[in-house]
């Protein structure tokens, strides 16, 4: 793990011109979110299986590193984390398990299918514990099937891990939360899928309390000589092929590979975070820059 400054031309935010990158294609900005939702609707149930296959299990270590850098309090101090694009809930569960009884997580994902899969998994895990099940809010999202909604229950005095996690179907570019609501904002492998990255960053800044932490884990630019060519060959040949075998459709995984290449590199994304108004902006490379963790604070 290292902290570096690298250069690669940023993908830019072409949505200001009426288009946005969808992999290597430019599409109408208004169409991108629907196309992204279609991708994740297709892969939701096999998402973590494919993550294990694609990364050789490394995604679990990367997420562990992210939560370690977050360092949620281990006592009973209240600490509310917003996990955006939280999908199957693996980051949220890590935060709750690492932190103390005062830690709560609100998981927000724009894909109803991904949020439902996360809710199912947390419920399954909850069968081994006690306390009420997590809740899903859908009051502002009429397109969420009523069958996915779980109404909140009153928490017990010593709430289980799952009772401290709630699920919301929401857009990273227009979060349904008041200003200055959260102590930390996390997003893992999700921000490259939004239509307007700069708007998602502004929303992150808006919902954080003064002194709140922004932490992003995302694929980035490889900085080890010789590794980049091998990584590209593996990504474009093996990953779509594996996706087709596991899920029956390789196209979503070709998009995911392409979206990594069009996302701003470490320095370009750092510049975008700084321009939003965040302070103490830095990043750490993992696995030779295949992924990077970005940290910043709202002051």
C-alpha atoms as a PDB file:
ATOM      1  CA  UNK A   1       0.000   0.000   0.000  1.00  0.00           C
ATOM      2  CA  UNK A   2       1.381   3.417  -0.892  1.00  0.00           C
ATOM      3  CA  UNK A   3       0.471   7.033  -1.440  1.00  0.00           C
ATOM      4  CA  UNK A   4       1.440   8.338  -4.881  1.00  0.00           C
ATOM      5  CA  UNK A   5       0.721  11.084  -7.323  1.00  0.00           C
ATOM      6  CA  UNK A   6       0.127   9.788 -10.852  1.00  0.00           C
ATOM      7  CA  UNK A   7      -1.139  11.357 -14.041  1.00  0.00           C
ATOM      8  CA  UNK A   8      -3.683  10.180 -16.567  1.00  0.00           C
ATOM      9  CA  UNK A   9      -6.144  12.276 -18.544  1.00  0.00           C
ATOM     10  CA  UNK A  10      -9.442  12.351 -16.662  1.00  0.00           C
ATOM     11  CA  UNK A  11     -12.538  11.035 -18.351  1.00  0.00           C
ATOM     12  CA  UNK A  12     -14.226  14.365 -17.711  1.00  0.00           C
ATOM     13  CA  UNK A  13     -17.869  14.955 -16.904  1.00  0.00           C
ATOM     14  CA  UNK A  14     -19.376  15.097 -20.375  1.00  0.00           C
ATOM     15  CA  UNK A  15     -22.895  15.250 -18.985  1.00  0.00           C
ATOM     16  CA  UNK A  16     -22.560  19.030 -19.159  1.00  0.00           C
ATOM     17  CA  UNK A  17     -22.665  18.605 -22.937  1.00  0.00           C
ATOM     18  CA  UNK A  18     -25.766  16.436 -22.809  1.00  0.00           C
ATOM     19  CA  UNK A  19     -23.883  13.135 -22.913  1.00  0.00           C
ATOM     20  CA  UNK A  20     -22.197  10.863 -20.391  1.00  0.00           C
ATOM     21  CA  UNK A  21     -19.755   7.940 -20.753  1.00  0.00           C
ATOM     22  CA  UNK A  22     -21.273   4.477 -20.543  1.00  0.00           C
ATOM     23  CA  UNK A  23     -18.183   2.346 -20.825  1.00  0.00           C
ATOM     24  CA  UNK A  24     -16.497   3.384 -24.054  1.00  0.00           C
ATOM     25  CA  UNK A  25     -19.730   4.766 -25.503  1.00  0.00           C
ATOM     26  CA  UNK A  26     -21.171   8.208 -24.998  1.00  0.00           C
ATOM     27  CA  UNK A  27     -24.899   8.110 -24.309  1.00  0.00           C
ATOM     28  CA  UNK A  28     -27.477  10.756 -23.562  1.00  0.00           C
ATOM     29  CA  UNK A  29     -26.923  11.891 -19.978  1.00  0.00           C
ATOM     30  CA  UNK A  30     -30.567  11.205 -19.207  1.00  0.00           C
ATOM     31  CA  UNK A  31     -30.189   7.595 -20.330  1.00  0.00           C
ATOM     32  CA  UNK A  32     -27.060   6.597 -18.433  1.00  0.00           C
ATOM     33  CA  UNK A  33     -28.670   5.848 -15.080  1.00  0.00           C
ATOM     34  CA  UNK A  34     -31.272   3.587 -16.677  1.00  0.00           C
ATOM     35  CA  UNK A  35     -28.535   1.696 -18.512  1.00  0.00           C
ATOM     36  CA  UNK A  36     -26.484   1.333 -15.320  1.00  0.00           C
ATOM     37  CA  UNK A  37     -29.567   0.129 -13.447  1.00  0.00           C
ATOM     38  CA  UNK A  38     -30.115  -2.504 -16.131  1.00  0.00           C
ATOM     39  CA  UNK A  39     -26.553  -3.738 -15.631  1.00  0.00           C
ATOM     40  CA  UNK A  40     -26.928  -4.186 -11.891  1.00  0.00           C
ATOM     41  CA  UNK A  41     -30.406  -5.663 -12.146  1.00  0.00           C
ATOM     42  CA  UNK A  42     -28.846  -8.461 -14.203  1.00  0.00           C
ATOM     43  CA  UNK A  43     -25.938  -9.167 -11.864  1.00  0.00           C
ATOM     44  CA  UNK A  44     -27.399  -8.506  -8.387  1.00  0.00           C
ATOM     45  CA  UNK A  45     -27.819 -12.093  -7.217  1.00  0.00           C
ATOM     46  CA  UNK A  46     -24.377 -13.183  -8.424  1.00  0.00           C
ATOM     47  CA  UNK A  47     -22.577  -9.915  -7.744  1.00  0.00           C
ATOM     48  CA  UNK A  48     -20.312 -11.049  -4.901  1.00  0.00           C
ATOM     49  CA  UNK A  49     -19.577 -14.387  -6.589  1.00  0.00           C
ATOM     50  CA  UNK A  50     -18.328 -12.523  -9.641  1.00  0.00           C
ATOM     51  CA  UNK A  51     -16.350 -10.108  -7.459  1.00  0.00           C
ATOM     52  CA  UNK A  52     -14.552 -13.083  -5.921  1.00  0.00           C
ATOM     53  CA  UNK A  53     -13.812 -14.573  -9.339  1.00  0.00           C
ATOM     54  CA  UNK A  54     -12.743 -11.302 -10.964  1.00  0.00           C
ATOM     55  CA  UNK A  55     -10.453 -10.177  -8.138  1.00  0.00           C
ATOM     56  CA  UNK A  56      -9.324 -13.546  -6.814  1.00  0.00           C
ATOM     57  CA  UNK A  57     -10.973 -12.587  -3.536  1.00  0.00           C
ATOM     58  CA  UNK A  58      -8.917  -9.399  -3.220  1.00  0.00           C
ATOM     59  CA  UNK A  59     -12.041  -7.199  -3.111  1.00  0.00           C
ATOM     60  CA  UNK A  60     -12.622  -8.486   0.426  1.00  0.00           C
ATOM     61  CA  UNK A  61      -9.165  -7.331   1.527  1.00  0.00           C
ATOM     62  CA  UNK A  62      -9.641  -3.962  -0.207  1.00  0.00           C
ATOM     63  CA  UNK A  63     -12.899  -3.409   1.663  1.00  0.00           C
ATOM     64  CA  UNK A  64     -11.251  -4.435   4.926  1.00  0.00           C
ATOM     65  CA  UNK A  65      -8.568  -1.797   4.286  1.00  0.00           C
ATOM     66  CA  UNK A  66     -11.221   0.818   3.615  1.00  0.00           C
ATOM     67  CA  UNK A  67     -13.031   0.123   6.882  1.00  0.00           C
ATOM     68  CA  UNK A  68      -9.727   0.070   8.761  1.00  0.00           C
ATOM     69  CA  UNK A  69      -8.927   3.538   7.419  1.00  0.00           C
ATOM     70  CA  UNK A  70     -12.413   4.712   8.383  1.00  0.00           C
ATOM     71  CA  UNK A  71     -11.791   3.431  11.934  1.00  0.00           C
ATOM     72  CA  UNK A  72     -15.358   3.643  13.283  1.00  0.00           C
ATOM     73  CA  UNK A  73     -15.456   4.223  17.059  1.00  0.00           C
ATOM     74  CA  UNK A  74     -15.401   1.024  19.080  1.00  0.00           C
ATOM     75  CA  UNK A  75     -17.248   2.400  22.086  1.00  0.00           C
ATOM     76  CA  UNK A  76     -20.908   3.395  22.409  1.00  0.00           C
ATOM     77  CA  UNK A  77     -20.432   6.870  20.883  1.00  0.00           C
ATOM     78  CA  UNK A  78     -23.084   7.646  18.268  1.00  0.00           C
ATOM     79  CA  UNK A  79     -21.564   7.474  14.776  1.00  0.00           C
ATOM     80  CA  UNK A  80     -23.812   7.379  11.713  1.00  0.00           C
ATOM     81  CA  UNK A  81     -22.343   6.256   8.381  1.00  0.00           C
ATOM     82  CA  UNK A  82     -23.987   6.667   4.985  1.00  0.00           C
ATOM     83  CA  UNK A  83     -22.820   3.874   2.673  1.00  0.00           C
ATOM     84  CA  UNK A  84     -23.736   4.937  -0.865  1.00  0.00           C
ATOM     85  CA  UNK A  85     -24.034   2.381  -3.679  1.00  0.00           C
ATOM     86  CA  UNK A  86     -23.831  -0.126  -0.830  1.00  0.00           C
ATOM     87  CA  UNK A  87     -25.337  -2.939  -2.888  1.00  0.00           C
ATOM     88  CA  UNK A  88     -25.104  -6.282  -1.148  1.00  0.00           C
ATOM     89  CA  UNK A  89     -24.187  -4.741   2.196  1.00  0.00           C
ATOM     90  CA  UNK A  90     -20.702  -6.186   2.614  1.00  0.00           C
ATOM     91  CA  UNK A  91     -19.113  -2.820   3.448  1.00  0.00           C
ATOM     92  CA  UNK A  92     -21.965  -1.916   5.810  1.00  0.00           C
ATOM     93  CA  UNK A  93     -21.565  -5.185   7.685  1.00  0.00           C
ATOM     94  CA  UNK A  94     -17.822  -4.643   8.012  1.00  0.00           C
ATOM     95  CA  UNK A  95     -18.398  -1.174   9.482  1.00  0.00           C
ATOM     96  CA  UNK A  96     -20.931  -2.475  12.001  1.00  0.00           C
ATOM     97  CA  UNK A  97     -18.745  -5.397  13.028  1.00  0.00           C
ATOM     98  CA  UNK A  98     -15.670  -3.203  13.408  1.00  0.00           C
ATOM     99  CA  UNK A  99     -17.431  -0.435  15.337  1.00  0.00           C
ATOM    100  CA  UNK A 100     -19.068  -0.272  18.729  1.00  0.00           C
ATOM    101  CA  UNK A 101     -22.719  -0.293  19.710  1.00  0.00           C
ATOM    102  CA  UNK A 102     -23.178   3.375  18.785  1.00  0.00           C
ATOM    103  CA  UNK A 103     -22.344   2.840  15.112  1.00  0.00           C
ATOM    104  CA  UNK A 104     -25.257   2.881  12.664  1.00  0.00           C
ATOM    105  CA  UNK A 105     -25.212   2.511   8.882  1.00  0.00           C
ATOM    106  CA  UNK A 106     -27.712   3.747   6.331  1.00  0.00           C
ATOM    107  CA  UNK A 107     -27.134   1.919   3.059  1.00  0.00           C
ATOM    108  CA  UNK A 108     -28.314   3.751  -0.057  1.00  0.00           C
ATOM    109  CA  UNK A 109     -28.375   2.223  -3.529  1.00  0.00           C
ATOM    110  CA  UNK A 110     -30.189   3.413  -6.642  1.00  0.00           C
ATOM    111  CA  UNK A 111     -30.810  -0.160  -7.835  1.00  0.00           C
ATOM    112  CA  UNK A 112     -33.863  -1.736  -6.139  1.00  0.00           C
ATOM    113  CA  UNK A 113     -32.536  -5.169  -7.091  1.00  0.00           C
ATOM    114  CA  UNK A 114     -29.173  -4.553  -5.440  1.00  0.00           C
ATOM    115  CA  UNK A 115     -30.778  -3.052  -2.333  1.00  0.00           C
ATOM    116  CA  UNK A 116     -33.168  -5.993  -2.088  1.00  0.00           C
ATOM    117  CA  UNK A 117     -30.275  -8.437  -2.369  1.00  0.00           C
ATOM    118  CA  UNK A 118     -28.436  -6.585   0.394  1.00  0.00           C
ATOM    119  CA  UNK A 119     -31.524  -6.615   2.587  1.00  0.00           C
ATOM    120  CA  UNK A 120     -31.958 -10.361   1.981  1.00  0.00           C
ATOM    121  CA  UNK A 121     -28.371 -11.054   2.993  1.00  0.00           C
ATOM    122  CA  UNK A 122     -28.534  -8.943   6.129  1.00  0.00           C
ATOM    123  CA  UNK A 123     -31.775 -10.657   7.120  1.00  0.00           C
ATOM    124  CA  UNK A 124     -30.132 -14.038   6.554  1.00  0.00           C
ATOM    125  CA  UNK A 125     -27.228 -13.025   8.752  1.00  0.00           C
ATOM    126  CA  UNK A 126     -29.680 -11.689  11.317  1.00  0.00           C
ATOM    127  CA  UNK A 127     -31.188 -15.133  11.823  1.00  0.00           C
ATOM    128  CA  UNK A 128     -28.112 -15.943  13.866  1.00  0.00           C
ATOM    129  CA  UNK A 129     -28.590 -12.949  16.164  1.00  0.00           C
ATOM    130  CA  UNK A 130     -31.324 -11.102  17.991  1.00  0.00           C
ATOM    131  CA  UNK A 131     -33.099  -7.822  17.663  1.00  0.00           C
ATOM    132  CA  UNK A 132     -35.341  -6.374  14.962  1.00  0.00           C
ATOM    133  CA  UNK A 133     -34.571  -6.727  11.297  1.00  0.00           C
ATOM    134  CA  UNK A 134     -33.213  -3.805   9.267  1.00  0.00           C
ATOM    135  CA  UNK A 135     -35.639  -1.551   7.484  1.00  0.00           C
ATOM    136  CA  UNK A 136     -35.937  -0.316   3.922  1.00  0.00           C
ATOM    137  CA  UNK A 137     -37.405   3.119   3.230  1.00  0.00           C
ATOM    138  CA  UNK A 138     -39.164   3.652  -0.043  1.00  0.00           C
ATOM    139  CA  UNK A 139     -41.444   6.568   0.740  1.00  0.00           C
ATOM    140  CA  UNK A 140     -39.817   8.771  -1.920  1.00  0.00           C
ATOM    141  CA  UNK A 141     -39.356   6.094  -4.528  1.00  0.00           C
ATOM    142  CA  UNK A 142     -42.632   4.913  -6.007  1.00  0.00           C
ATOM    143  CA  UNK A 143     -41.007   2.454  -8.391  1.00  0.00           C
ATOM    144  CA  UNK A 144     -39.814   0.189  -5.567  1.00  0.00           C
ATOM    145  CA  UNK A 145     -42.012  -2.945  -5.384  1.00  0.00           C
ATOM    146  CA  UNK A 146     -43.985  -3.023  -2.163  1.00  0.00           C
ATOM    147  CA  UNK A 147     -42.741  -6.558  -1.589  1.00  0.00           C
ATOM    148  CA  UNK A 148     -39.268  -5.147  -0.903  1.00  0.00           C
ATOM    149  CA  UNK A 149     -40.358  -2.748   1.835  1.00  0.00           C
ATOM    150  CA  UNK A 150     -39.669  -3.648   5.455  1.00  0.00           C
ATOM    151  CA  UNK A 151     -41.150  -1.277   7.980  1.00  0.00           C
ATOM    152  CA  UNK A 152     -38.882  -0.290  10.891  1.00  0.00           C
ATOM    153  CA  UNK A 153     -39.404  -1.814  14.291  1.00  0.00           C
ATOM    154  CA  UNK A 154     -38.418  -0.464  17.679  1.00  0.00           C
ATOM    155  CA  UNK A 155     -34.838  -1.328  18.498  1.00  0.00           C
ATOM    156  CA  UNK A 156     -34.038  -3.264  21.638  1.00  0.00           C
ATOM    157  CA  UNK A 157     -31.751  -1.680  24.231  1.00  0.00           C
ATOM    158  CA  UNK A 158     -28.818  -3.792  22.996  1.00  0.00           C
ATOM    159  CA  UNK A 159     -29.493  -3.874  19.304  1.00  0.00           C
ATOM    160  CA  UNK A 160     -27.942  -6.509  17.062  1.00  0.00           C
ATOM    161  CA  UNK A 161     -25.715  -5.581  14.171  1.00  0.00           C
ATOM    162  CA  UNK A 162     -28.487  -5.941  11.603  1.00  0.00           C
ATOM    163  CA  UNK A 163     -30.912  -3.766  13.564  1.00  0.00           C
ATOM    164  CA  UNK A 164     -28.451  -0.868  13.216  1.00  0.00           C
ATOM    165  CA  UNK A 165     -28.536  -0.989   9.413  1.00  0.00           C
ATOM    166  CA  UNK A 166     -31.309   0.437   7.263  1.00  0.00           C
ATOM    167  CA  UNK A 167     -31.726   0.354   3.490  1.00  0.00           C
ATOM    168  CA  UNK A 168     -32.831   3.230   1.270  1.00  0.00           C
ATOM    169  CA  UNK A 169     -33.309   3.232  -2.493  1.00  0.00           C
ATOM    170  CA  UNK A 170     -31.735   6.538  -3.473  1.00  0.00           C
ATOM    171  CA  UNK A 171     -29.702   8.360  -6.112  1.00  0.00           C
ATOM    172  CA  UNK A 172     -26.142   9.412  -5.220  1.00  0.00           C
ATOM    173  CA  UNK A 173     -26.722  12.630  -7.175  1.00  0.00           C
ATOM    174  CA  UNK A 174     -29.830  13.572  -5.189  1.00  0.00           C
ATOM    175  CA  UNK A 175     -29.633  11.934  -1.787  1.00  0.00           C
ATOM    176  CA  UNK A 176     -32.916  11.929   0.184  1.00  0.00           C
ATOM    177  CA  UNK A 177     -31.307  13.105   3.424  1.00  0.00           C
ATOM    178  CA  UNK A 178     -31.094  16.481   5.190  1.00  0.00           C
ATOM    179  CA  UNK A 179     -27.948  18.580   5.196  1.00  0.00           C
ATOM    180  CA  UNK A 180     -25.258  17.680   7.749  1.00  0.00           C
ATOM    181  CA  UNK A 181     -26.829  14.337   8.691  1.00  0.00           C
ATOM    182  CA  UNK A 182     -23.904  11.887   8.779  1.00  0.00           C
ATOM    183  CA  UNK A 183     -20.565  11.472  10.500  1.00  0.00           C
ATOM    184  CA  UNK A 184     -19.080   9.581   7.542  1.00  0.00           C
ATOM    185  CA  UNK A 185     -19.848   8.842   3.899  1.00  0.00           C
ATOM    186  CA  UNK A 186     -18.472   5.710   2.241  1.00  0.00           C
ATOM    187  CA  UNK A 187     -18.763   4.509  -1.332  1.00  0.00           C
ATOM    188  CA  UNK A 188     -17.039   1.402  -2.723  1.00  0.00           C
ATOM    189  CA  UNK A 189     -16.877   0.726  -6.458  1.00  0.00           C
ATOM    190  CA  UNK A 190     -19.927   2.881  -7.101  1.00  0.00           C
ATOM    191  CA  UNK A 191     -19.001   6.455  -7.909  1.00  0.00           C
ATOM    192  CA  UNK A 192     -17.753   5.655 -11.414  1.00  0.00           C
ATOM    193  CA  UNK A 193     -21.283   4.516 -12.292  1.00  0.00           C
ATOM    194  CA  UNK A 194     -23.012   7.823 -11.564  1.00  0.00           C
ATOM    195  CA  UNK A 195     -23.874  10.170 -14.415  1.00  0.00           C
ATOM    196  CA  UNK A 196     -22.350  13.298 -12.878  1.00  0.00           C
ATOM    197  CA  UNK A 197     -19.455  12.549 -10.546  1.00  0.00           C
ATOM    198  CA  UNK A 198     -19.105  16.194  -9.513  1.00  0.00           C
ATOM    199  CA  UNK A 199     -22.766  16.292  -8.438  1.00  0.00           C
ATOM    200  CA  UNK A 200     -22.369  13.095  -6.410  1.00  0.00           C
ATOM    201  CA  UNK A 201     -19.386  14.674  -4.646  1.00  0.00           C
ATOM    202  CA  UNK A 202     -21.401  17.801  -3.870  1.00  0.00           C
ATOM    203  CA  UNK A 203     -24.127  15.625  -2.366  1.00  0.00           C
ATOM    204  CA  UNK A 204     -21.545  13.807  -0.255  1.00  0.00           C
ATOM    205  CA  UNK A 205     -20.306  17.153   1.053  1.00  0.00           C
ATOM    206  CA  UNK A 206     -23.863  18.357   1.708  1.00  0.00           C
ATOM    207  CA  UNK A 207     -24.991  15.417   3.851  1.00  0.00           C
ATOM    208  CA  UNK A 208     -21.806  15.246   5.939  1.00  0.00           C
ATOM    209  CA  UNK A 209     -21.608  17.037   9.264  1.00  0.00           C
ATOM    210  CA  UNK A 210     -18.752  19.515   9.745  1.00  0.00           C
ATOM    211  CA  UNK A 211     -15.800  17.316  10.619  1.00  0.00           C
ATOM    212  CA  UNK A 212     -17.360  14.419   8.707  1.00  0.00           C
ATOM    213  CA  UNK A 213     -15.267  11.944   6.715  1.00  0.00           C
ATOM    214  CA  UNK A 214     -15.546  11.079   3.013  1.00  0.00           C
ATOM    215  CA  UNK A 215     -14.043   7.742   2.026  1.00  0.00           C
ATOM    216  CA  UNK A 216     -14.152   6.249  -1.467  1.00  0.00           C
ATOM    217  CA  UNK A 217     -12.784   2.933  -2.745  1.00  0.00           C
ATOM    218  CA  UNK A 218     -12.586   2.749  -6.528  1.00  0.00           C
ATOM    219  CA  UNK A 219     -10.683   1.126  -9.357  1.00  0.00           C
ATOM    220  CA  UNK A 220      -7.909   3.367 -10.609  1.00  0.00           C
ATOM    221  CA  UNK A 221      -4.710   3.516 -12.675  1.00  0.00           C
ATOM    222  CA  UNK A 222      -2.128   0.742 -12.370  1.00  0.00           C
ATOM    223  CA  UNK A 223       1.305   2.159 -11.507  1.00  0.00           C
ATOM    224  CA  UNK A 224       3.495  -0.970 -11.595  1.00  0.00           C
ATOM    225  CA  UNK A 225       5.551  -1.422 -14.793  1.00  0.00           C
ATOM    226  CA  UNK A 226       4.384  -4.426 -16.784  1.00  0.00           C
ATOM    227  CA  UNK A 227       1.281  -5.005 -14.676  1.00  0.00           C
ATOM    228  CA  UNK A 228      -0.935  -2.684 -16.711  1.00  0.00           C
ATOM    229  CA  UNK A 229      -0.724  -4.764 -19.926  1.00  0.00           C
ATOM    230  CA  UNK A 230      -1.426  -8.000 -18.060  1.00  0.00           C
ATOM    231  CA  UNK A 231      -4.301  -6.391 -16.200  1.00  0.00           C
ATOM    232  CA  UNK A 232      -5.857  -5.103 -19.433  1.00  0.00           C
ATOM    233  CA  UNK A 233      -5.543  -8.476 -21.133  1.00  0.00           C
ATOM    234  CA  UNK A 234      -7.150 -10.223 -18.193  1.00  0.00           C
ATOM    235  CA  UNK A 235      -9.907  -7.630 -17.802  1.00  0.00           C
ATOM    236  CA  UNK A 236     -11.095  -7.508 -21.398  1.00  0.00           C
ATOM    237  CA  UNK A 237     -10.752 -11.212 -22.201  1.00  0.00           C
ATOM    238  CA  UNK A 238     -11.378 -13.165 -19.007  1.00  0.00           C
ATOM    239  CA  UNK A 239     -13.866 -11.072 -17.045  1.00  0.00           C
ATOM    240  CA  UNK A 240     -16.672 -10.857 -19.676  1.00  0.00           C
ATOM    241  CA  UNK A 241     -16.156 -14.577 -20.384  1.00  0.00           C
ATOM    242  CA  UNK A 242     -16.509 -15.424 -16.695  1.00  0.00           C
ATOM    243  CA  UNK A 243     -19.560 -13.192 -16.463  1.00  0.00           C
ATOM    244  CA  UNK A 244     -21.228 -15.059 -19.291  1.00  0.00           C
ATOM    245  CA  UNK A 245     -20.568 -18.423 -17.632  1.00  0.00           C
ATOM    246  CA  UNK A 246     -21.705 -17.349 -14.153  1.00  0.00           C
ATOM    247  CA  UNK A 247     -24.605 -15.043 -14.987  1.00  0.00           C
ATOM    248  CA  UNK A 248     -25.416 -15.990 -18.586  1.00  0.00           C
ATOM    249  CA  UNK A 249     -24.513 -12.548 -19.922  1.00  0.00           C
ATOM    250  CA  UNK A 250     -21.034 -11.111 -20.426  1.00  0.00           C
ATOM    251  CA  UNK A 251     -22.170  -7.664 -21.603  1.00  0.00           C
ATOM    252  CA  UNK A 252     -22.636  -6.159 -18.109  1.00  0.00           C
ATOM    253  CA  UNK A 253     -19.090  -7.122 -17.222  1.00  0.00           C
ATOM    254  CA  UNK A 254     -17.669  -5.611 -20.378  1.00  0.00           C
ATOM    255  CA  UNK A 255     -19.343  -2.355 -19.329  1.00  0.00           C
ATOM    256  CA  UNK A 256     -17.850  -2.654 -15.836  1.00  0.00           C
ATOM    257  CA  UNK A 257     -14.355  -3.168 -17.274  1.00  0.00           C
ATOM    258  CA  UNK A 258     -14.749  -0.226 -19.651  1.00  0.00           C
ATOM    259  CA  UNK A 259     -16.125   2.022 -16.904  1.00  0.00           C
ATOM    260  CA  UNK A 260     -12.914   1.477 -14.937  1.00  0.00           C
ATOM    261  CA  UNK A 261     -10.817   2.746 -17.858  1.00  0.00           C
ATOM    262  CA  UNK A 262     -12.909   5.899 -18.314  1.00  0.00           C
ATOM    263  CA  UNK A 263     -12.903   6.867 -14.627  1.00  0.00           C
ATOM    264  CA  UNK A 264     -10.496   9.666 -13.592  1.00  0.00           C
ATOM    265  CA  UNK A 265      -7.166   8.428 -12.265  1.00  0.00           C
ATOM    266  CA  UNK A 266      -5.916   9.025  -8.727  1.00  0.00           C
ATOM    267  CA  UNK A 267      -4.695  12.597  -9.165  1.00  0.00           C
ATOM    268  CA  UNK A 268      -7.603  13.680 -11.361  1.00  0.00           C
ATOM    269  CA  UNK A 269     -10.153  12.347  -8.879  1.00  0.00           C
ATOM    270  CA  UNK A 270      -8.255  13.967  -6.010  1.00  0.00           C
ATOM    271  CA  UNK A 271      -8.565  17.276  -7.854  1.00  0.00           C
ATOM    272  CA  UNK A 272     -12.324  16.778  -8.242  1.00  0.00           C
ATOM    273  CA  UNK A 273     -12.730  16.046  -4.523  1.00  0.00           C
ATOM    274  CA  UNK A 274     -10.707  19.127  -3.602  1.00  0.00           C
ATOM    275  CA  UNK A 275     -12.750  21.311  -5.962  1.00  0.00           C
ATOM    276  CA  UNK A 276     -15.900  20.246  -4.103  1.00  0.00           C
ATOM    277  CA  UNK A 277     -14.613  21.932  -0.947  1.00  0.00           C
ATOM    278  CA  UNK A 278     -13.208  18.977   0.973  1.00  0.00           C
ATOM    279  CA  UNK A 279     -10.003  19.353   2.979  1.00  0.00           C
ATOM    280  CA  UNK A 280      -7.087  17.021   3.752  1.00  0.00           C
ATOM    281  CA  UNK A 281      -7.677  15.146   0.494  1.00  0.00           C
ATOM    282  CA  UNK A 282      -5.365  12.165   0.011  1.00  0.00           C
ATOM    283  CA  UNK A 283      -5.356   8.677  -1.428  1.00  0.00           C
ATOM    284  CA  UNK A 284      -3.714   5.314  -0.921  1.00  0.00           C
ATOM    285  CA  UNK A 285      -3.043   2.838  -3.704  1.00  0.00           C
ATOM    286  CA  UNK A 286      -3.769  -0.844  -3.208  1.00  0.00           C
ATOM    287  CA  UNK A 287      -2.520  -3.738  -5.350  1.00  0.00           C
ATOM    288  CA  UNK A 288      -0.276  -1.564  -7.472  1.00  0.00           C
ATOM    289  CA  UNK A 289      -2.936   1.046  -8.177  1.00  0.00           C
ATOM    290  CA  UNK A 290      -5.581  -1.389  -9.412  1.00  0.00           C
ATOM    291  CA  UNK A 291      -7.713   0.250  -6.751  1.00  0.00           C
ATOM    292  CA  UNK A 292      -7.277   3.418  -4.706  1.00  0.00           C
ATOM    293  CA  UNK A 293      -8.811   4.648  -1.478  1.00  0.00           C
ATOM    294  CA  UNK A 294      -9.596   8.365  -1.361  1.00  0.00           C
ATOM    295  CA  UNK A 295     -10.060  10.168   1.947  1.00  0.00           C
ATOM    296  CA  UNK A 296     -11.230  13.702   2.674  1.00  0.00           C
ATOM    297  CA  UNK A 297     -12.911  15.733   5.413  1.00  0.00           C
ATOM    298  CA  UNK A 298     -15.671  18.317   5.489  1.00  0.00           C
ATOM    299  CA  UNK A 299     -14.457  21.235   7.593  1.00  0.00           C
END
